[in-house]
C-alpha atoms as a PDB file:
ATOM      1  CA  MET A   1       0.000   0.000   0.000  1.00  0.00           C
ATOM      2  CA  SER A   2       1.340   3.431  -0.925  1.00  0.00           C
ATOM      3  CA  ARG A   3       0.160   6.783   0.315  1.00  0.00           C
ATOM      4  CA  ALA A   4       0.379  10.301  -0.985  1.00  0.00           C
ATOM      5  CA  ARG A   5       3.203  12.367   0.475  1.00  0.00           C
ATOM      6  CA  PRO A   6       2.596  14.171   3.784  1.00  0.00           C
ATOM      7  CA  PRO A   7       0.861  17.563   3.486  1.00  0.00           C
ATOM      8  CA  ARG A   8       3.232  20.502   3.154  1.00  0.00           C
ATOM      9  CA  LEU A   9       2.860  24.035   4.447  1.00  0.00           C
ATOM     10  CA  TRP A  10       5.240  26.830   3.508  1.00  0.00           C
ATOM     11  CA  ILE A  11       5.529  29.868   5.768  1.00  0.00           C
ATOM     12  CA  ILE A  12       7.146  33.091   4.609  1.00  0.00           C
ATOM     13  CA  ASP A  13       8.333  35.299   7.487  1.00  0.00           C
ATOM     14  CA  PRO A  14       9.443  38.643   5.967  1.00  0.00           C
ATOM     15  CA  SER A  15      10.449  40.119   9.339  1.00  0.00           C
ATOM     16  CA  THR A  16      13.177  42.728   9.013  1.00  0.00           C
ATOM     17  CA  LYS A  17      14.413  42.829  12.638  1.00  0.00           C
ATOM     18  CA  ARG A  18      13.972  39.390  14.256  1.00  0.00           C
ATOM     19  CA  PRO A  19      12.300  36.100  13.373  1.00  0.00           C
ATOM     20  CA  GLU A  20       8.737  35.621  14.587  1.00  0.00           C
ATOM     21  CA  GLY A  21       9.409  32.180  16.012  1.00  0.00           C
ATOM     22  CA  GLN A  22       6.441  32.048  18.371  1.00  0.00           C
ATOM     23  CA  GLY A  23       4.160  33.214  15.579  1.00  0.00           C
ATOM     24  CA  VAL A  24       5.430  30.465  13.291  1.00  0.00           C
ATOM     25  CA  ASP A  25       4.765  27.952  16.067  1.00  0.00           C
ATOM     26  CA  SER A  26       1.191  29.252  16.370  1.00  0.00           C
ATOM     27  CA  ILE A  27       0.615  28.797  12.649  1.00  0.00           C
ATOM     28  CA  LEU A  28       1.977  25.242  12.802  1.00  0.00           C
ATOM     29  CA  GLU A  29       0.077  24.232  15.951  1.00  0.00           C
ATOM     30  CA  GLY A  30      -1.589  20.914  15.154  1.00  0.00           C
ATOM     31  CA  TRP A  31      -0.189  20.766  11.605  1.00  0.00           C
ATOM     32  CA  PRO A  32       0.207  17.040  10.798  1.00  0.00           C
ATOM     33  CA  GLY A  33       2.640  17.243   7.908  1.00  0.00           C
ATOM     34  CA  GLU A  34       5.849  18.861   6.718  1.00  0.00           C
ATOM     35  CA  SER A  35       6.658  22.556   6.799  1.00  0.00           C
ATOM     36  CA  ARG A  36       9.259  24.919   5.412  1.00  0.00           C
ATOM     37  CA  LEU A  37      10.135  28.373   6.686  1.00  0.00           C
ATOM     38  CA  PHE A  38      11.456  31.144   4.448  1.00  0.00           C
ATOM     39  CA  MET A  39      12.940  34.380   5.831  1.00  0.00           C
ATOM     40  CA  PRO A  40      13.706  36.509   2.754  1.00  0.00           C
ATOM     41  CA  ALA A  41      14.578  39.713   4.633  1.00  0.00           C
ATOM     42  CA  LEU A  42      16.765  38.235   7.379  1.00  0.00           C
ATOM     43  CA  ARG A  43      18.376  35.576   5.176  1.00  0.00           C
ATOM     44  CA  PRO A  44      19.023  37.218   1.803  1.00  0.00           C
ATOM     45  CA  GLY A  45      18.281  34.863  -1.071  1.00  0.00           C
ATOM     46  CA  ASP A  46      16.018  32.672   1.065  1.00  0.00           C
ATOM     47  CA  GLY A  47      13.064  32.846  -1.390  1.00  0.00           C
ATOM     48  CA  PRO A  48      10.500  32.028  -2.300  1.00  0.00           C
ATOM     49  CA  GLN A  49      11.193  33.241  -5.780  1.00  0.00           C
ATOM     50  CA  PRO A  50       9.544  32.293  -9.071  1.00  0.00           C
ATOM     51  CA  GLU A  51      12.092  29.520  -9.650  1.00  0.00           C
ATOM     52  CA  THR A  52      11.388  28.078  -6.187  1.00  0.00           C
ATOM     53  CA  GLY A  53       8.070  26.758  -7.417  1.00  0.00           C
ATOM     54  CA  TYR A  54       4.987  25.831  -5.428  1.00  0.00           C
ATOM     55  CA  ALA A  55       5.673  22.344  -4.081  1.00  0.00           C
ATOM     56  CA  ALA A  56       3.403  22.753  -1.061  1.00  0.00           C
ATOM     57  CA  ASP A  57      -0.288  22.413  -0.296  1.00  0.00           C
ATOM     58  CA  GLY A  58      -0.682  25.810   1.347  1.00  0.00           C
ATOM     59  CA  PHE A  59       1.181  29.046   1.972  1.00  0.00           C
ATOM     60  CA  VAL A  60       1.258  31.723   4.677  1.00  0.00           C
ATOM     61  CA  VAL A  61       2.844  35.173   4.228  1.00  0.00           C
ATOM     62  CA  MET A  62       3.376  36.791   7.631  1.00  0.00           C
ATOM     63  CA  GLY A  63       3.867  40.355   8.816  1.00  0.00           C
ATOM     64  CA  SER A  64       6.809  42.709   8.405  1.00  0.00           C
ATOM     65  CA  ALA A  65       7.900  46.206   9.339  1.00  0.00           C
ATOM     66  CA  ALA A  66       8.509  46.770   5.625  1.00  0.00           C
ATOM     67  CA  SER A  67       6.095  48.553   3.318  1.00  0.00           C
ATOM     68  CA  VAL A  68       4.957  47.055   0.029  1.00  0.00           C
ATOM     69  CA  HIS A  69       6.135  50.307  -1.594  1.00  0.00           C
ATOM     70  CA  GLU A  70       9.791  49.980  -0.536  1.00  0.00           C
ATOM     71  CA  PRO A  71      12.428  49.077  -3.168  1.00  0.00           C
ATOM     72  CA  LEU A  72      13.789  46.083  -1.240  1.00  0.00           C
ATOM     73  CA  ALA A  73      15.868  43.394  -2.905  1.00  0.00           C
ATOM     74  CA  TRP A  74      13.745  40.546  -1.557  1.00  0.00           C
ATOM     75  CA  LEU A  75      10.357  42.151  -2.119  1.00  0.00           C
ATOM     76  CA  GLY A  76      10.278  42.063  -5.924  1.00  0.00           C
ATOM     77  CA  PRO A  77      10.924  38.308  -6.190  1.00  0.00           C
ATOM     78  CA  LEU A  78       8.384  37.581  -3.442  1.00  0.00           C
ATOM     79  CA  ALA A  79       5.745  39.682  -5.204  1.00  0.00           C
ATOM     80  CA  GLU A  80       6.505  37.945  -8.506  1.00  0.00           C
ATOM     81  CA  TRP A  81       6.206  34.542  -6.830  1.00  0.00           C
ATOM     82  CA  LEU A  82       2.794  35.506  -5.409  1.00  0.00           C
ATOM     83  CA  GLY A  83       1.437  36.475  -8.809  1.00  0.00           C
ATOM     84  CA  PRO A  84       0.356  33.008 -10.053  1.00  0.00           C
ATOM     85  CA  LEU A  85      -1.424  32.312  -6.751  1.00  0.00           C
ATOM     86  CA  LEU A  86      -3.554  35.417  -7.306  1.00  0.00           C
ATOM     87  CA  THR A  87      -4.377  34.778 -10.953  1.00  0.00           C
ATOM     88  CA  GLY A  88      -5.299  31.123 -10.442  1.00  0.00           C
ATOM     89  CA  GLU A  89      -2.434  29.854 -12.577  1.00  0.00           C
ATOM     90  CA  VAL A  90      -1.394  28.064  -9.368  1.00  0.00           C
ATOM     91  CA  ARG A  91      -4.376  27.170  -7.192  1.00  0.00           C
ATOM     92  CA  ARG A  92      -3.430  26.635  -3.531  1.00  0.00           C
ATOM     93  CA  PRO A  93      -4.781  27.981  -0.227  1.00  0.00           C
ATOM     94  CA  LEU A  94      -2.931  31.188   0.691  1.00  0.00           C
ATOM     95  CA  LEU A  95      -3.154  33.161   3.935  1.00  0.00           C
ATOM     96  CA  GLY A  96      -1.791  36.703   4.242  1.00  0.00           C
ATOM     97  CA  ILE A  97      -1.189  38.336   7.629  1.00  0.00           C
ATOM     98  CA  CYS A  98      -0.719  42.122   8.050  1.00  0.00           C
ATOM     99  CA  PHE A  99       2.117  42.830   5.579  1.00  0.00           C
ATOM    100  CA  GLY A 100       1.095  39.654   3.753  1.00  0.00           C
ATOM    101  CA  HIS A 101      -2.484  40.984   3.582  1.00  0.00           C
ATOM    102  CA  GLN A 102      -1.271  44.245   2.073  1.00  0.00           C
ATOM    103  CA  LEU A 103       1.134  42.539  -0.325  1.00  0.00           C
ATOM    104  CA  ILE A 104      -1.609  40.299  -1.705  1.00  0.00           C
ATOM    105  CA  ALA A 105      -3.764  43.369  -2.349  1.00  0.00           C
ATOM    106  CA  HIS A 106      -0.841  45.274  -3.868  1.00  0.00           C
ATOM    107  CA  VAL A 107       0.223  42.478  -6.221  1.00  0.00           C
ATOM    108  CA  GLY A 108      -3.403  41.874  -7.181  1.00  0.00           C
ATOM    109  CA  GLY A 109      -3.884  45.474  -8.265  1.00  0.00           C
ATOM    110  CA  GLY A 110      -5.253  47.118  -5.118  1.00  0.00           C
ATOM    111  CA  GLU A 111      -4.056  50.251  -3.346  1.00  0.00           C
ATOM    112  CA  ILE A 112      -2.136  50.484  -0.060  1.00  0.00           C
ATOM    113  CA  GLY A 113      -1.754  53.712   1.899  1.00  0.00           C
ATOM    114  CA  ASP A 114      -1.204  55.166   5.354  1.00  0.00           C
ATOM    115  CA  LEU A 115      -3.805  54.369   7.968  1.00  0.00           C
ATOM    116  CA  THR A 116      -3.706  57.962   9.263  1.00  0.00           C
ATOM    117  CA  GLU A 117      -2.643  61.281   7.767  1.00  0.00           C
ATOM    118  CA  ASP A 118       0.390  61.521  10.058  1.00  0.00           C
ATOM    119  CA  GLY A 119       1.513  57.942   9.340  1.00  0.00           C
ATOM    120  CA  ALA A 120       1.172  56.929  12.983  1.00  0.00           C
ATOM    121  CA  LYS A 121       1.297  53.261  13.882  1.00  0.00           C
ATOM    122  CA  ARG A 122      -1.737  51.578  15.410  1.00  0.00           C
ATOM    123  CA  VAL A 123      -0.847  48.998  18.054  1.00  0.00           C
ATOM    124  CA  GLY A 124      -3.104  47.216  20.500  1.00  0.00           C
ATOM    125  CA  VAL A 125      -5.697  44.525  21.083  1.00  0.00           C
ATOM    126  CA  GLU A 126      -9.019  45.204  19.368  1.00  0.00           C
ATOM    127  CA  ILE A 127     -12.181  43.519  18.097  1.00  0.00           C
ATOM    128  CA  SER A 128     -12.434  42.513  14.451  1.00  0.00           C
ATOM    129  CA  GLU A 129     -15.871  41.675  13.062  1.00  0.00           C
ATOM    130  CA  LEU A 130     -15.880  38.865  10.499  1.00  0.00           C
ATOM    131  CA  GLU A 131     -18.955  38.388   8.341  1.00  0.00           C
ATOM    132  CA  GLY A 132     -19.716  36.161   5.368  1.00  0.00           C
ATOM    133  CA  GLY A 133     -16.277  34.614   4.848  1.00  0.00           C
ATOM    134  CA  ARG A 134     -15.640  31.070   3.685  1.00  0.00           C
ATOM    135  CA  LEU A 135     -13.014  30.284   6.340  1.00  0.00           C
ATOM    136  CA  LEU A 136     -15.331  31.163   9.235  1.00  0.00           C
ATOM    137  CA  PRO A 137     -18.893  31.308   7.920  1.00  0.00           C
ATOM    138  CA  GLY A 138     -21.401  33.422   9.776  1.00  0.00           C
ATOM    139  CA  HIS A 139     -20.668  36.328  12.107  1.00  0.00           C
ATOM    140  CA  HIS A 140     -17.698  36.378  14.493  1.00  0.00           C
ATOM    141  CA  GLU A 141     -16.242  39.034  16.782  1.00  0.00           C
ATOM    142  CA  LEU A 142     -12.592  38.137  17.301  1.00  0.00           C
ATOM    143  CA  ARG A 143     -10.277  39.640  19.902  1.00  0.00           C
ATOM    144  CA  VAL A 144      -7.058  40.194  17.983  1.00  0.00           C
ATOM    145  CA  MET A 145      -3.670  41.872  18.160  1.00  0.00           C
ATOM    146  CA  VAL A 146      -2.907  44.667  15.703  1.00  0.00           C
ATOM    147  CA  SER A 147       0.261  46.503  14.709  1.00  0.00           C
ATOM    148  CA  HIS A 148       0.276  48.446  11.432  1.00  0.00           C
ATOM    149  CA  ARG A 149       0.609  51.918   9.966  1.00  0.00           C
ATOM    150  CA  GLU A 150      -0.734  51.156   6.474  1.00  0.00           C
ATOM    151  CA  GLU A 151      -3.971  49.620   5.253  1.00  0.00           C
ATOM    152  CA  ILE A 152      -5.814  48.592   2.095  1.00  0.00           C
ATOM    153  CA  LYS A 153      -7.410  51.668   0.576  1.00  0.00           C
ATOM    154  CA  ARG A 154      -8.825  49.910  -2.494  1.00  0.00           C
ATOM    155  CA  LEU A 155      -9.418  46.187  -2.976  1.00  0.00           C
ATOM    156  CA  ALA A 156      -7.839  44.315  -5.861  1.00  0.00           C
ATOM    157  CA  PRO A 157     -10.228  43.066  -8.555  1.00  0.00           C
ATOM    158  CA  GLY A 158     -11.835  39.764  -7.612  1.00  0.00           C
ATOM    159  CA  PHE A 159     -11.564  40.323  -3.852  1.00  0.00           C
ATOM    160  CA  ARG A 160     -14.276  41.143  -1.322  1.00  0.00           C
ATOM    161  CA  PRO A 161     -14.046  42.380   2.287  1.00  0.00           C
ATOM    162  CA  ILE A 162     -14.918  39.847   4.996  1.00  0.00           C
ATOM    163  CA  ALA A 163     -13.801  41.662   8.165  1.00  0.00           C
ATOM    164  CA  ARG A 164     -13.809  45.185   9.523  1.00  0.00           C
ATOM    165  CA  ARG A 165     -12.477  46.881  12.623  1.00  0.00           C
ATOM    166  CA  ARG A 166     -13.114  50.341  14.009  1.00  0.00           C
ATOM    167  CA  GLY A 167     -11.499  52.682  11.514  1.00  0.00           C
ATOM    168  CA  VAL A 168     -10.313  49.827   9.255  1.00  0.00           C
ATOM    169  CA  ALA A 169     -12.750  48.997   6.461  1.00  0.00           C
ATOM    170  CA  VAL A 170     -10.795  46.027   5.076  1.00  0.00           C
ATOM    171  CA  ASP A 171      -9.553  44.128   8.110  1.00  0.00           C
ATOM    172  CA  GLY A 172      -9.954  40.911   6.161  1.00  0.00           C
ATOM    173  CA  MET A 173     -10.613  39.906   2.573  1.00  0.00           C
ATOM    174  CA  GLU A 174     -10.960  36.829   0.399  1.00  0.00           C
ATOM    175  CA  HIS A 175     -10.855  36.125  -3.301  1.00  0.00           C
ATOM    176  CA  GLU A 176     -14.257  35.459  -4.793  1.00  0.00           C
ATOM    177  CA  ALA A 177     -13.116  32.310  -6.625  1.00  0.00           C
ATOM    178  CA  LEU A 178      -9.661  31.327  -5.358  1.00  0.00           C
ATOM    179  CA  PRO A 179      -8.678  29.985  -1.897  1.00  0.00           C
ATOM    180  CA  VAL A 180      -6.900  33.232  -0.992  1.00  0.00           C
ATOM    181  CA  PHE A 181      -7.608  34.822   2.398  1.00  0.00           C
ATOM    182  CA  SER A 182      -5.897  37.649   4.277  1.00  0.00           C
ATOM    183  CA  PHE A 183      -6.243  39.723   7.429  1.00  0.00           C
ATOM    184  CA  GLN A 184      -4.759  42.999   8.649  1.00  0.00           C
ATOM    185  CA  PHE A 185      -4.613  41.771  12.249  1.00  0.00           C
ATOM    186  CA  HIS A 186      -2.221  39.159  13.672  1.00  0.00           C
ATOM    187  CA  PRO A 187      -3.900  35.824  14.541  1.00  0.00           C
ATOM    188  CA  GLU A 188      -0.476  34.278  15.121  1.00  0.00           C
ATOM    189  CA  ALA A 189       0.639  36.891  17.687  1.00  0.00           C
ATOM    190  CA  ARG A 190       1.275  35.866  21.275  1.00  0.00           C
ATOM    191  CA  GLU A 191       3.462  37.111  24.181  1.00  0.00           C
ATOM    192  CA  GLU A 192       6.630  37.428  22.099  1.00  0.00           C
ATOM    193  CA  PHE A 193       4.932  39.698  19.584  1.00  0.00           C
ATOM    194  CA  ALA A 194       3.162  41.682  22.317  1.00  0.00           C
ATOM    195  CA  GLY A 195       6.431  42.264  24.148  1.00  0.00           C
ATOM    196  CA  HIS A 196       8.185  43.566  21.058  1.00  0.00           C
ATOM    197  CA  ALA A 197       5.190  45.816  20.310  1.00  0.00           C
ATOM    198  CA  GLY A 198       5.275  47.301  23.821  1.00  0.00           C
ATOM    199  CA  LEU A 199       1.917  45.852  24.889  1.00  0.00           C
ATOM    200  CA  ASP A 200       0.944  44.644  28.341  1.00  0.00           C
ATOM    201  CA  LEU A 201       1.393  40.853  28.204  1.00  0.00           C
ATOM    202  CA  ARG A 202      -1.859  40.471  30.137  1.00  0.00           C
ATOM    203  CA  GLU A 203      -3.603  41.468  26.896  1.00  0.00           C
ATOM    204  CA  VAL A 204      -2.738  37.988  25.590  1.00  0.00           C
ATOM    205  CA  ASP A 205      -5.657  36.430  27.422  1.00  0.00           C
ATOM    206  CA  ASP A 206      -7.642  33.237  26.949  1.00  0.00           C
ATOM    207  CA  ARG A 207     -10.108  34.835  24.572  1.00  0.00           C
ATOM    208  CA  LEU A 208      -7.410  36.236  22.300  1.00  0.00           C
ATOM    209  CA  ARG A 209      -5.741  32.819  22.171  1.00  0.00           C
ATOM    210  CA  ALA A 210      -9.021  31.047  21.438  1.00  0.00           C
ATOM    211  CA  ASP A 211     -10.157  33.541  18.790  1.00  0.00           C
ATOM    212  CA  SER A 212      -6.786  33.521  17.030  1.00  0.00           C
ATOM    213  CA  ARG A 213      -6.582  29.731  17.159  1.00  0.00           C
ATOM    214  CA  LYS A 214     -10.055  29.506  15.627  1.00  0.00           C
ATOM    215  CA  LEU A 215      -8.964  31.365  12.499  1.00  0.00           C
ATOM    216  CA  LEU A 216      -5.616  29.599  12.088  1.00  0.00           C
ATOM    217  CA  THR A 217      -7.261  26.208  12.592  1.00  0.00           C
ATOM    218  CA  ALA A 218      -9.816  27.023   9.908  1.00  0.00           C
ATOM    219  CA  PHE A 219      -7.034  27.836   7.437  1.00  0.00           C
ATOM    220  CA  ARG A 220      -5.075  24.664   8.245  1.00  0.00           C
ATOM    221  CA  GLU A 221      -8.238  22.616   7.760  1.00  0.00           C
ATOM    222  CA  ARG A 222      -8.798  24.309   4.405  1.00  0.00           C
ATOM    223  CA  VAL A 223      -5.277  23.353   3.324  1.00  0.00           C
ATOM    224  CA  LEU A 224      -5.727  19.756   4.459  1.00  0.00           C
ATOM    225  CA  GLY A 225      -9.099  19.560   2.751  1.00  0.00           C
ATOM    226  CA  ASP A 226      -7.502  20.538  -0.557  1.00  0.00           C
ATOM    227  CA  CYS A 227      -4.570  18.086  -0.220  1.00  0.00           C
ATOM    228  CA  PRO A 228      -4.346  15.042  -2.507  1.00  0.00           C
ATOM    229  CA  ALA A 229      -6.116  12.068  -0.928  1.00  0.00           C
ATOM    230  CA  PRO A 230      -4.082   9.024   0.180  1.00  0.00           C
ATOM    231  CA  ARG A 231      -3.678   6.347  -2.497  1.00  0.00           C
ATOM    232  CA  ASP A 232      -4.128   2.604  -1.923  1.00  0.00           C
END
């Protein structure tokens, strides 16, 4: 008896200052297969790039202090690699988080701009309202961690908003036909992220953990549901 290969999840951590190790662990919590971590900003040349291919069953693009508008050496190849996932040339579940959320919109033809006129950063724990999405159907009010100074001003063609937060109209979005989902908030964030952001660690409470886990679990289940079935 032979079986299909184990499911594979690729995680792209474009952090520019330090790896988000605890966040990666949160994304992989309960993942039953193989995983690969890319850190294009901290390890120059560590893809993914177009020639890297798409030999995984799902992809996650995490947050970064970088802006999608910066002329960074690693950003162009990453954006080019994302392209086929947004056109449907390569059809795989994709999750974007914060910077990843903005990059998906940017590559897809949307517009990214400052959240406020003075470019101030918004950091804290807030409530995001999800409505009508395929990952979490129905209505959900999630307690989430946020840290961003830019936002999506205009959606890319083919995308629709599925979450909003006070003052943030597109706190989450999904493609109308492809398994592409993204969120401005940080469902992977825990104490490590909160500490670096200057937040009171008591903000990382049971509800935040449960709400964040709910969303990440839904994405992992989507990836596993799309994996090739075992072969006899």
